[in-house]
């Protein structure tokens, strides 16, 4: 669980350091001069509530992925997935000038773990299918432009639902390439 602890520490430190969120966010205008933003944007947030919710879900999904696939493959999934999700954000949302948040990366990890669990534990498939339906309903709600809902995001900032959809697709694809480790669902 070294990776999980590292992710938790990274999210906490980046939130605690003044100015880190703004400096490490994915900025369309600075991406060529600051390519590290393709990864760091997934570990910084817009508000305290946004940071707490996103970081908690990311840490949980990292722990599940690390247990399911091991530290090395999960690290590669986070690094490669983070970069691909950021590139996807730039391509899918040409009007978006700034991106911050861990929810798409957490979605990627969660989908890979859920699909691998469904492969290895058929008795869990109904529960995983229900979680998939909830994820789809959330995605559709976020895509509905007239929906009024409470948010932890500041005014003018919206959920980048196309990036979450990309995370689902990448998670489905990644499951095919990740090593098979028997998941002990009883622990």
C-alpha atoms as a PDB file:
ATOM      1  CA  UNK A   1       0.000   0.000   0.000  1.00  0.00           C
ATOM      2  CA  UNK A   2       2.984   2.297  -0.515  1.00  0.00           C
ATOM      3  CA  UNK A   3       1.419   3.838  -3.589  1.00  0.00           C
ATOM      4  CA  UNK A   4      -1.834   4.529  -1.766  1.00  0.00           C
ATOM      5  CA  UNK A   5       0.039   6.302   1.026  1.00  0.00           C
ATOM      6  CA  UNK A   6       2.020   8.290  -1.546  1.00  0.00           C
ATOM      7  CA  UNK A   7      -1.151   9.417  -3.344  1.00  0.00           C
ATOM      8  CA  UNK A   8      -2.764  10.424  -0.044  1.00  0.00           C
ATOM      9  CA  UNK A   9       0.332  12.369   1.009  1.00  0.00           C
ATOM     10  CA  UNK A  10       0.630  14.038  -2.398  1.00  0.00           C
ATOM     11  CA  UNK A  11      -2.996  15.239  -2.336  1.00  0.00           C
ATOM     12  CA  UNK A  12      -2.619  16.543   1.237  1.00  0.00           C
ATOM     13  CA  UNK A  13       0.688  18.321   0.648  1.00  0.00           C
ATOM     14  CA  UNK A  14      -0.460  19.942  -2.591  1.00  0.00           C
ATOM     15  CA  UNK A  15      -3.576  21.253  -0.873  1.00  0.00           C
ATOM     16  CA  UNK A  16      -1.592  22.563   2.125  1.00  0.00           C
ATOM     17  CA  UNK A  17       1.065  24.402   0.105  1.00  0.00           C
ATOM     18  CA  UNK A  18      -0.186  27.904  -0.712  1.00  0.00           C
ATOM     19  CA  UNK A  19      -0.429  28.508  -4.440  1.00  0.00           C
ATOM     20  CA  UNK A  20       0.237  24.884  -5.417  1.00  0.00           C
ATOM     21  CA  UNK A  21      -3.266  24.309  -6.782  1.00  0.00           C
ATOM     22  CA  UNK A  22      -3.085  27.265  -9.124  1.00  0.00           C
ATOM     23  CA  UNK A  23       0.519  26.549 -10.153  1.00  0.00           C
ATOM     24  CA  UNK A  24      -0.040  22.855 -10.928  1.00  0.00           C
ATOM     25  CA  UNK A  25      -3.472  22.997 -12.581  1.00  0.00           C
ATOM     26  CA  UNK A  26      -3.743  22.124 -16.257  1.00  0.00           C
ATOM     27  CA  UNK A  27      -3.735  25.473 -18.062  1.00  0.00           C
ATOM     28  CA  UNK A  28      -4.390  25.363 -21.781  1.00  0.00           C
ATOM     29  CA  UNK A  29      -2.239  28.442 -22.361  1.00  0.00           C
ATOM     30  CA  UNK A  30       0.789  27.009 -20.521  1.00  0.00           C
ATOM     31  CA  UNK A  31       0.796  23.335 -21.411  1.00  0.00           C
ATOM     32  CA  UNK A  32       3.702  23.547 -23.870  1.00  0.00           C
ATOM     33  CA  UNK A  33       5.932  25.290 -21.340  1.00  0.00           C
ATOM     34  CA  UNK A  34       4.700  23.225 -18.358  1.00  0.00           C
ATOM     35  CA  UNK A  35       3.964  19.682 -19.575  1.00  0.00           C
ATOM     36  CA  UNK A  36       3.990  18.279 -16.016  1.00  0.00           C
ATOM     37  CA  UNK A  37       0.537  19.844 -15.654  1.00  0.00           C
ATOM     38  CA  UNK A  38      -0.788  16.890 -17.673  1.00  0.00           C
ATOM     39  CA  UNK A  39      -0.293  14.842 -14.493  1.00  0.00           C
ATOM     40  CA  UNK A  40      -0.263  17.311 -11.614  1.00  0.00           C
ATOM     41  CA  UNK A  41      -3.737  18.654 -12.465  1.00  0.00           C
ATOM     42  CA  UNK A  42      -5.233  15.430 -11.107  1.00  0.00           C
ATOM     43  CA  UNK A  43      -3.853  16.090  -7.629  1.00  0.00           C
ATOM     44  CA  UNK A  44      -4.936  19.728  -7.145  1.00  0.00           C
ATOM     45  CA  UNK A  45      -8.409  21.123  -6.557  1.00  0.00           C
ATOM     46  CA  UNK A  46     -10.586  24.250  -6.577  1.00  0.00           C
ATOM     47  CA  UNK A  47     -11.806  24.240  -2.955  1.00  0.00           C
ATOM     48  CA  UNK A  48     -11.371  22.463   0.357  1.00  0.00           C
ATOM     49  CA  UNK A  49     -14.561  20.435  -0.110  1.00  0.00           C
ATOM     50  CA  UNK A  50     -13.545  19.551  -3.671  1.00  0.00           C
ATOM     51  CA  UNK A  51     -10.120  18.441  -2.393  1.00  0.00           C
ATOM     52  CA  UNK A  52     -11.551  16.353   0.449  1.00  0.00           C
ATOM     53  CA  UNK A  53     -14.113  14.521  -1.683  1.00  0.00           C
ATOM     54  CA  UNK A  54     -11.916  13.938  -4.742  1.00  0.00           C
ATOM     55  CA  UNK A  55      -8.841  12.989  -2.722  1.00  0.00           C
ATOM     56  CA  UNK A  56     -10.760  10.538  -0.542  1.00  0.00           C
ATOM     57  CA  UNK A  57     -12.234   8.779  -3.570  1.00  0.00           C
ATOM     58  CA  UNK A  58      -8.872   8.754  -5.376  1.00  0.00           C
ATOM     59  CA  UNK A  59      -7.099   7.263  -2.354  1.00  0.00           C
ATOM     60  CA  UNK A  60      -9.795   4.598  -1.966  1.00  0.00           C
ATOM     61  CA  UNK A  61      -9.656   3.667  -5.669  1.00  0.00           C
ATOM     62  CA  UNK A  62      -5.843   3.640  -5.566  1.00  0.00           C
ATOM     63  CA  UNK A  63      -5.910   1.245  -2.610  1.00  0.00           C
ATOM     64  CA  UNK A  64      -8.321  -1.071  -4.433  1.00  0.00           C
ATOM     65  CA  UNK A  65      -6.272  -0.937  -7.653  1.00  0.00           C
ATOM     66  CA  UNK A  66      -2.996  -1.500  -5.839  1.00  0.00           C
ATOM     67  CA  UNK A  67      -4.485  -4.555  -4.155  1.00  0.00           C
ATOM     68  CA  UNK A  68      -5.955  -5.851  -7.413  1.00  0.00           C
ATOM     69  CA  UNK A  69      -3.046  -5.204  -9.773  1.00  0.00           C
ATOM     70  CA  UNK A  70       0.013  -4.501  -7.631  1.00  0.00           C
ATOM     71  CA  UNK A  71       2.016  -1.338  -7.050  1.00  0.00           C
ATOM     72  CA  UNK A  72       3.883  -1.220 -10.381  1.00  0.00           C
ATOM     73  CA  UNK A  73       0.917  -1.662 -12.726  1.00  0.00           C
ATOM     74  CA  UNK A  74      -1.205   0.745 -10.672  1.00  0.00           C
ATOM     75  CA  UNK A  75       1.554   3.354 -10.786  1.00  0.00           C
ATOM     76  CA  UNK A  76       1.737   3.013 -14.584  1.00  0.00           C
ATOM     77  CA  UNK A  77      -2.059   3.257 -14.768  1.00  0.00           C
ATOM     78  CA  UNK A  78      -2.051   6.473 -12.721  1.00  0.00           C
ATOM     79  CA  UNK A  79       0.804   8.066 -14.669  1.00  0.00           C
ATOM     80  CA  UNK A  80      -0.290   7.063 -18.159  1.00  0.00           C
ATOM     81  CA  UNK A  81      -3.986   7.439 -17.365  1.00  0.00           C
ATOM     82  CA  UNK A  82      -3.459  10.899 -15.893  1.00  0.00           C
ATOM     83  CA  UNK A  83      -1.619  12.123 -18.983  1.00  0.00           C
ATOM     84  CA  UNK A  84      -4.182  10.590 -21.370  1.00  0.00           C
ATOM     85  CA  UNK A  85      -7.098  12.066 -19.411  1.00  0.00           C
ATOM     86  CA  UNK A  86      -5.493  15.521 -19.504  1.00  0.00           C
ATOM     87  CA  UNK A  87      -4.847  15.285 -23.233  1.00  0.00           C
ATOM     88  CA  UNK A  88      -8.440  14.142 -23.603  1.00  0.00           C
ATOM     89  CA  UNK A  89      -9.634  17.156 -21.596  1.00  0.00           C
ATOM     90  CA  UNK A  90      -7.752  19.495 -23.911  1.00  0.00           C
ATOM     91  CA  UNK A  91      -9.198  17.800 -26.995  1.00  0.00           C
ATOM     92  CA  UNK A  92     -12.776  17.147 -25.796  1.00  0.00           C
ATOM     93  CA  UNK A  93     -13.261  20.517 -24.112  1.00  0.00           C
ATOM     94  CA  UNK A  94     -11.658  23.124 -26.377  1.00  0.00           C
ATOM     95  CA  UNK A  95     -13.338  25.985 -24.478  1.00  0.00           C
ATOM     96  CA  UNK A  96     -11.973  24.860 -21.087  1.00  0.00           C
ATOM     97  CA  UNK A  97      -9.020  26.961 -19.989  1.00  0.00           C
ATOM     98  CA  UNK A  98      -8.201  25.199 -16.703  1.00  0.00           C
ATOM     99  CA  UNK A  99      -8.623  21.689 -15.302  1.00  0.00           C
ATOM    100  CA  UNK A 100      -8.195  20.482 -11.722  1.00  0.00           C
ATOM    101  CA  UNK A 101      -9.428  17.450  -9.861  1.00  0.00           C
ATOM    102  CA  UNK A 102      -8.977  13.764  -9.170  1.00  0.00           C
ATOM    103  CA  UNK A 103     -12.439  12.459 -10.046  1.00  0.00           C
ATOM    104  CA  UNK A 104     -11.612  11.356 -13.605  1.00  0.00           C
ATOM    105  CA  UNK A 105      -8.479   9.545 -12.438  1.00  0.00           C
ATOM    106  CA  UNK A 106     -10.470   7.922  -9.623  1.00  0.00           C
ATOM    107  CA  UNK A 107     -13.100   6.884 -12.185  1.00  0.00           C
ATOM    108  CA  UNK A 108     -10.405   5.251 -14.325  1.00  0.00           C
ATOM    109  CA  UNK A 109      -9.068   3.281 -11.359  1.00  0.00           C
ATOM    110  CA  UNK A 110     -12.524   2.366 -10.081  1.00  0.00           C
ATOM    111  CA  UNK A 111     -13.690   1.078 -13.457  1.00  0.00           C
ATOM    112  CA  UNK A 112     -10.612  -1.120 -13.882  1.00  0.00           C
ATOM    113  CA  UNK A 113     -11.024  -2.628 -10.409  1.00  0.00           C
ATOM    114  CA  UNK A 114     -14.770  -3.159 -10.886  1.00  0.00           C
ATOM    115  CA  UNK A 115     -14.318  -4.883 -14.240  1.00  0.00           C
ATOM    116  CA  UNK A 116     -11.509  -7.107 -12.957  1.00  0.00           C
ATOM    117  CA  UNK A 117     -13.601  -8.024  -9.910  1.00  0.00           C
ATOM    118  CA  UNK A 118     -16.540  -8.881 -12.185  1.00  0.00           C
ATOM    119  CA  UNK A 119     -14.254 -11.142 -14.212  1.00  0.00           C
ATOM    120  CA  UNK A 120     -12.920 -12.961 -11.170  1.00  0.00           C
ATOM    121  CA  UNK A 121     -15.979 -13.011  -8.915  1.00  0.00           C
ATOM    122  CA  UNK A 122     -19.159 -13.593 -10.950  1.00  0.00           C
ATOM    123  CA  UNK A 123     -21.287 -13.504  -7.793  1.00  0.00           C
ATOM    124  CA  UNK A 124     -20.401  -9.799  -7.449  1.00  0.00           C
ATOM    125  CA  UNK A 125     -21.597  -8.863 -10.942  1.00  0.00           C
ATOM    126  CA  UNK A 126     -25.081  -7.643  -9.891  1.00  0.00           C
ATOM    127  CA  UNK A 127     -23.553  -5.242  -7.358  1.00  0.00           C
ATOM    128  CA  UNK A 128     -20.964  -4.064  -9.890  1.00  0.00           C
ATOM    129  CA  UNK A 129     -23.696  -3.604 -12.507  1.00  0.00           C
ATOM    130  CA  UNK A 130     -25.628  -1.424 -10.044  1.00  0.00           C
ATOM    131  CA  UNK A 131     -22.516   0.662  -9.403  1.00  0.00           C
ATOM    132  CA  UNK A 132     -22.070   0.992 -13.174  1.00  0.00           C
ATOM    133  CA  UNK A 133     -25.646   2.236 -13.538  1.00  0.00           C
ATOM    134  CA  UNK A 134     -25.065   4.782 -10.773  1.00  0.00           C
ATOM    135  CA  UNK A 135     -21.903   5.957 -12.508  1.00  0.00           C
ATOM    136  CA  UNK A 136     -23.796   6.285 -15.790  1.00  0.00           C
ATOM    137  CA  UNK A 137     -26.642   8.195 -14.097  1.00  0.00           C
ATOM    138  CA  UNK A 138     -24.125  10.587 -12.515  1.00  0.00           C
ATOM    139  CA  UNK A 139     -22.418  11.090 -15.867  1.00  0.00           C
ATOM    140  CA  UNK A 140     -25.737  11.851 -17.570  1.00  0.00           C
ATOM    141  CA  UNK A 141     -26.733  14.235 -14.779  1.00  0.00           C
ATOM    142  CA  UNK A 142     -23.456  16.111 -15.133  1.00  0.00           C
ATOM    143  CA  UNK A 143     -23.932  16.293 -18.904  1.00  0.00           C
ATOM    144  CA  UNK A 144     -27.415  17.815 -18.572  1.00  0.00           C
ATOM    145  CA  UNK A 145     -26.797  21.568 -18.909  1.00  0.00           C
ATOM    146  CA  UNK A 146     -30.001  22.709 -17.180  1.00  0.00           C
ATOM    147  CA  UNK A 147     -29.487  20.572 -14.080  1.00  0.00           C
ATOM    148  CA  UNK A 148     -29.262  22.631 -10.917  1.00  0.00           C
ATOM    149  CA  UNK A 149     -27.387  20.811  -8.224  1.00  0.00           C
ATOM    150  CA  UNK A 150     -25.185  21.586  -5.277  1.00  0.00           C
ATOM    151  CA  UNK A 151     -21.507  21.548  -6.123  1.00  0.00           C
ATOM    152  CA  UNK A 152     -18.173  21.828  -4.372  1.00  0.00           C
ATOM    153  CA  UNK A 153     -16.872  23.738  -7.384  1.00  0.00           C
ATOM    154  CA  UNK A 154     -16.714  27.540  -7.576  1.00  0.00           C
ATOM    155  CA  UNK A 155     -19.119  29.485  -9.776  1.00  0.00           C
ATOM    156  CA  UNK A 156     -18.226  29.161 -13.436  1.00  0.00           C
ATOM    157  CA  UNK A 157     -16.464  25.813 -12.956  1.00  0.00           C
ATOM    158  CA  UNK A 158     -18.311  22.708 -14.120  1.00  0.00           C
ATOM    159  CA  UNK A 159     -17.793  18.969 -13.918  1.00  0.00           C
ATOM    160  CA  UNK A 160     -15.783  17.895 -16.964  1.00  0.00           C
ATOM    161  CA  UNK A 161     -18.107  14.987 -17.716  1.00  0.00           C
ATOM    162  CA  UNK A 162     -16.547  14.172 -21.122  1.00  0.00           C
ATOM    163  CA  UNK A 163     -13.282  13.463 -19.287  1.00  0.00           C
ATOM    164  CA  UNK A 164     -15.149  11.106 -16.944  1.00  0.00           C
ATOM    165  CA  UNK A 165     -16.619   9.340 -19.984  1.00  0.00           C
ATOM    166  CA  UNK A 166     -13.094   9.018 -21.387  1.00  0.00           C
ATOM    167  CA  UNK A 167     -11.964   7.610 -18.015  1.00  0.00           C
ATOM    168  CA  UNK A 168     -14.619   4.903 -18.277  1.00  0.00           C
ATOM    169  CA  UNK A 169     -13.464   3.992 -21.785  1.00  0.00           C
ATOM    170  CA  UNK A 170      -9.795   3.980 -20.769  1.00  0.00           C
ATOM    171  CA  UNK A 171     -10.619   1.858 -17.719  1.00  0.00           C
ATOM    172  CA  UNK A 172     -12.414  -0.665 -19.897  1.00  0.00           C
ATOM    173  CA  UNK A 173      -9.426  -0.812 -22.243  1.00  0.00           C
ATOM    174  CA  UNK A 174      -6.825  -0.929 -19.451  1.00  0.00           C
ATOM    175  CA  UNK A 175      -8.452  -3.948 -17.849  1.00  0.00           C
ATOM    176  CA  UNK A 176      -7.407  -6.007 -20.855  1.00  0.00           C
ATOM    177  CA  UNK A 177      -3.723  -5.154 -20.348  1.00  0.00           C
ATOM    178  CA  UNK A 178      -3.332  -5.219 -16.571  1.00  0.00           C
ATOM    179  CA  UNK A 179      -1.842  -8.335 -14.983  1.00  0.00           C
ATOM    180  CA  UNK A 180      -4.221 -10.848 -13.500  1.00  0.00           C
ATOM    181  CA  UNK A 181      -3.937 -11.181  -9.754  1.00  0.00           C
ATOM    182  CA  UNK A 182      -6.498 -13.182  -7.914  1.00  0.00           C
ATOM    183  CA  UNK A 183      -8.595 -10.714  -5.920  1.00  0.00           C
ATOM    184  CA  UNK A 184      -9.487 -12.031  -2.481  1.00  0.00           C
ATOM    185  CA  UNK A 185     -12.935 -10.507  -1.991  1.00  0.00           C
ATOM    186  CA  UNK A 186     -13.279 -11.988   1.480  1.00  0.00           C
ATOM    187  CA  UNK A 187     -10.666  -9.732   3.082  1.00  0.00           C
END
